[in-house]
Amino acid sequence: MNPLAEGQRINEPSPRFDPASVEFLKTLEASLAVLSRPQVARALTVSLDTLDRLHARGQGPPRVRISPRRWGYPVPEFRHWLKARLRETEK
C-alpha cells in the first residue's frame, strides 16, 4: 500500500499539513529554551560570582533546577526579568 496520494511527490506536504502547526512548534521550542549560568552571566556582563550574589539577595533572574547541581534560566522568563530591570533603571 502506497502512503502517498496519487501523483503526490515525496517532498510535498501531506494534504493535512498545517503551516500554523510549524509556527506553533517554533514558538513552543523558543519557550522551552533554557540558558546556562555562564550564558546568563555573559548576557548580563557580570561574573558568575555576581550572578550568585544576585540570587542570594533574591534579585537574580528566574531559574529552574535542571539537576541536583545545575540551574537553567528559561529564555522567556529571563527576557521578562531583564525588561523589568531595564524599566526600573529608566525611572
C-alpha atoms as a PDB file:
ATOM      1  CA  MET A   1       0.000   0.000   0.000  1.00  0.00           C
ATOM      2  CA  ASN A   2       1.417   3.366  -1.022  1.00  0.00           C
ATOM      3  CA  PRO A   3       1.081   6.019   1.760  1.00  0.00           C
ATOM      4  CA  LEU A   4       1.329   8.843  -0.807  1.00  0.00           C
ATOM      5  CA  ALA A   5      -1.752  10.123  -2.566  1.00  0.00           C
ATOM      6  CA  GLU A   6      -1.929   9.534  -6.300  1.00  0.00           C
ATOM      7  CA  GLY A   7       0.514  11.919  -8.019  1.00  0.00           C
ATOM      8  CA  GLN A   8       1.868  13.323  -4.749  1.00  0.00           C
ATOM      9  CA  ARG A   9       5.626  13.792  -4.577  1.00  0.00           C
ATOM     10  CA  ILE A  10       7.681  12.775  -1.567  1.00  0.00           C
ATOM     11  CA  ASN A  11       8.794  16.331  -0.743  1.00  0.00           C
ATOM     12  CA  GLU A  12       5.293  17.797  -0.868  1.00  0.00           C
ATOM     13  CA  PRO A  13       3.452  18.289   2.400  1.00  0.00           C
ATOM     14  CA  SER A  14       0.611  15.905   3.078  1.00  0.00           C
ATOM     15  CA  PRO A  15      -2.916  17.234   2.480  1.00  0.00           C
ATOM     16  CA  ARG A  16      -3.367  17.565   6.263  1.00  0.00           C
ATOM     17  CA  PHE A  17      -0.223  19.720   6.647  1.00  0.00           C
ATOM     18  CA  ASP A  18      -0.955  22.917   8.548  1.00  0.00           C
ATOM     19  CA  PRO A  19       1.639  25.732   8.391  1.00  0.00           C
ATOM     20  CA  ALA A  20       0.302  27.085  11.676  1.00  0.00           C
ATOM     21  CA  SER A  21       1.426  23.902  13.392  1.00  0.00           C
ATOM     22  CA  VAL A  22       5.007  24.596  12.281  1.00  0.00           C
ATOM     23  CA  GLU A  23       4.797  28.104  13.762  1.00  0.00           C
ATOM     24  CA  PHE A  24       3.341  26.647  16.950  1.00  0.00           C
ATOM     25  CA  LEU A  25       6.251  24.208  17.208  1.00  0.00           C
ATOM     26  CA  LYS A  26       8.773  27.026  16.677  1.00  0.00           C
ATOM     27  CA  THR A  27       7.067  29.057  19.399  1.00  0.00           C
ATOM     28  CA  LEU A  28       7.000  26.064  21.709  1.00  0.00           C
ATOM     29  CA  GLU A  29      10.681  25.386  21.061  1.00  0.00           C
ATOM     30  CA  ALA A  30      11.576  29.007  21.825  1.00  0.00           C
ATOM     31  CA  SER A  31       9.521  28.967  25.020  1.00  0.00           C
ATOM     32  CA  LEU A  32      11.318  25.828  26.216  1.00  0.00           C
ATOM     33  CA  ALA A  33      14.828  27.150  25.542  1.00  0.00           C
ATOM     34  CA  VAL A  34      16.991  27.347  28.659  1.00  0.00           C
ATOM     35  CA  LEU A  35      20.167  29.377  29.137  1.00  0.00           C
ATOM     36  CA  SER A  36      23.075  28.146  31.211  1.00  0.00           C
ATOM     37  CA  ARG A  37      24.553  30.064  34.139  1.00  0.00           C
ATOM     38  CA  PRO A  38      27.601  31.196  32.108  1.00  0.00           C
ATOM     39  CA  GLN A  39      25.341  32.315  29.236  1.00  0.00           C
ATOM     40  CA  VAL A  40      23.244  34.445  31.598  1.00  0.00           C
ATOM     41  CA  ALA A  41      26.319  35.939  33.270  1.00  0.00           C
ATOM     42  CA  ARG A  42      27.754  36.757  29.856  1.00  0.00           C
ATOM     43  CA  ALA A  43      24.469  38.299  28.688  1.00  0.00           C
ATOM     44  CA  LEU A  44      24.376  40.484  31.803  1.00  0.00           C
ATOM     45  CA  THR A  45      28.110  41.235  31.552  1.00  0.00           C
ATOM     46  CA  VAL A  46      28.660  40.119  35.151  1.00  0.00           C
ATOM     47  CA  SER A  47      30.801  37.416  36.720  1.00  0.00           C
ATOM     48  CA  LEU A  48      29.369  34.105  37.888  1.00  0.00           C
ATOM     49  CA  ASP A  49      30.027  35.236  41.466  1.00  0.00           C
ATOM     50  CA  THR A  50      27.971  38.393  40.908  1.00  0.00           C
ATOM     51  CA  LEU A  51      25.145  36.323  39.437  1.00  0.00           C
ATOM     52  CA  ASP A  52      25.271  34.105  42.537  1.00  0.00           C
ATOM     53  CA  ARG A  53      25.164  37.186  44.799  1.00  0.00           C
ATOM     54  CA  LEU A  54      22.101  38.469  42.925  1.00  0.00           C
ATOM     55  CA  HIS A  55      20.357  35.175  43.632  1.00  0.00           C
ATOM     56  CA  ALA A  56      21.438  35.190  47.276  1.00  0.00           C
ATOM     57  CA  ARG A  57      19.732  38.602  47.638  1.00  0.00           C
ATOM     58  CA  GLY A  58      16.654  37.412  45.747  1.00  0.00           C
ATOM     59  CA  GLN A  59      17.354  39.784  42.858  1.00  0.00           C
ATOM     60  CA  GLY A  60      18.544  37.356  40.185  1.00  0.00           C
ATOM     61  CA  PRO A  61      16.671  36.257  37.087  1.00  0.00           C
ATOM     62  CA  PRO A  62      14.173  33.379  37.420  1.00  0.00           C
ATOM     63  CA  ARG A  63      15.808  29.970  37.247  1.00  0.00           C
ATOM     64  CA  VAL A  64      14.838  26.316  37.375  1.00  0.00           C
ATOM     65  CA  ARG A  65      16.734  23.366  38.755  1.00  0.00           C
ATOM     66  CA  ILE A  66      17.701  21.073  35.882  1.00  0.00           C
ATOM     67  CA  SER A  67      19.586  18.571  38.033  1.00  0.00           C
ATOM     68  CA  PRO A  68      20.917  18.499  41.618  1.00  0.00           C
ATOM     69  CA  ARG A  69      23.945  20.565  40.592  1.00  0.00           C
ATOM     70  CA  ARG A  70      22.672  22.552  37.615  1.00  0.00           C
ATOM     71  CA  TRP A  71      20.386  25.544  37.197  1.00  0.00           C
ATOM     72  CA  GLY A  72      18.857  26.788  33.976  1.00  0.00           C
ATOM     73  CA  TYR A  73      17.288  30.080  33.011  1.00  0.00           C
ATOM     74  CA  PRO A  74      14.191  29.803  30.781  1.00  0.00           C
ATOM     75  CA  VAL A  75      14.573  32.314  27.950  1.00  0.00           C
ATOM     76  CA  PRO A  76      11.072  33.877  28.132  1.00  0.00           C
ATOM     77  CA  GLU A  77      11.333  34.474  31.892  1.00  0.00           C
ATOM     78  CA  PHE A  78      14.875  35.811  31.547  1.00  0.00           C
ATOM     79  CA  ARG A  79      13.746  38.288  28.868  1.00  0.00           C
ATOM     80  CA  HIS A  80      10.811  39.402  31.013  1.00  0.00           C
ATOM     81  CA  TRP A  81      13.057  39.860  34.062  1.00  0.00           C
ATOM     82  CA  LEU A  82      15.618  41.811  32.036  1.00  0.00           C
ATOM     83  CA  LYS A  83      12.980  44.123  30.522  1.00  0.00           C
ATOM     84  CA  ALA A  84      11.616  44.816  34.005  1.00  0.00           C
ATOM     85  CA  ARG A  85      15.116  45.629  35.268  1.00  0.00           C
ATOM     86  CA  LEU A  86      15.694  47.979  32.342  1.00  0.00           C
ATOM     87  CA  ARG A  87      12.390  49.760  33.050  1.00  0.00           C
ATOM     88  CA  GLU A  88      13.442  50.176  36.700  1.00  0.00           C
ATOM     89  CA  THR A  89      16.701  51.854  35.722  1.00  0.00           C
ATOM     90  CA  GLU A  90      14.909  54.227  33.325  1.00  0.00           C
ATOM     91  CA  LYS A  91      12.800  55.703  36.170  1.00  0.00           C
END
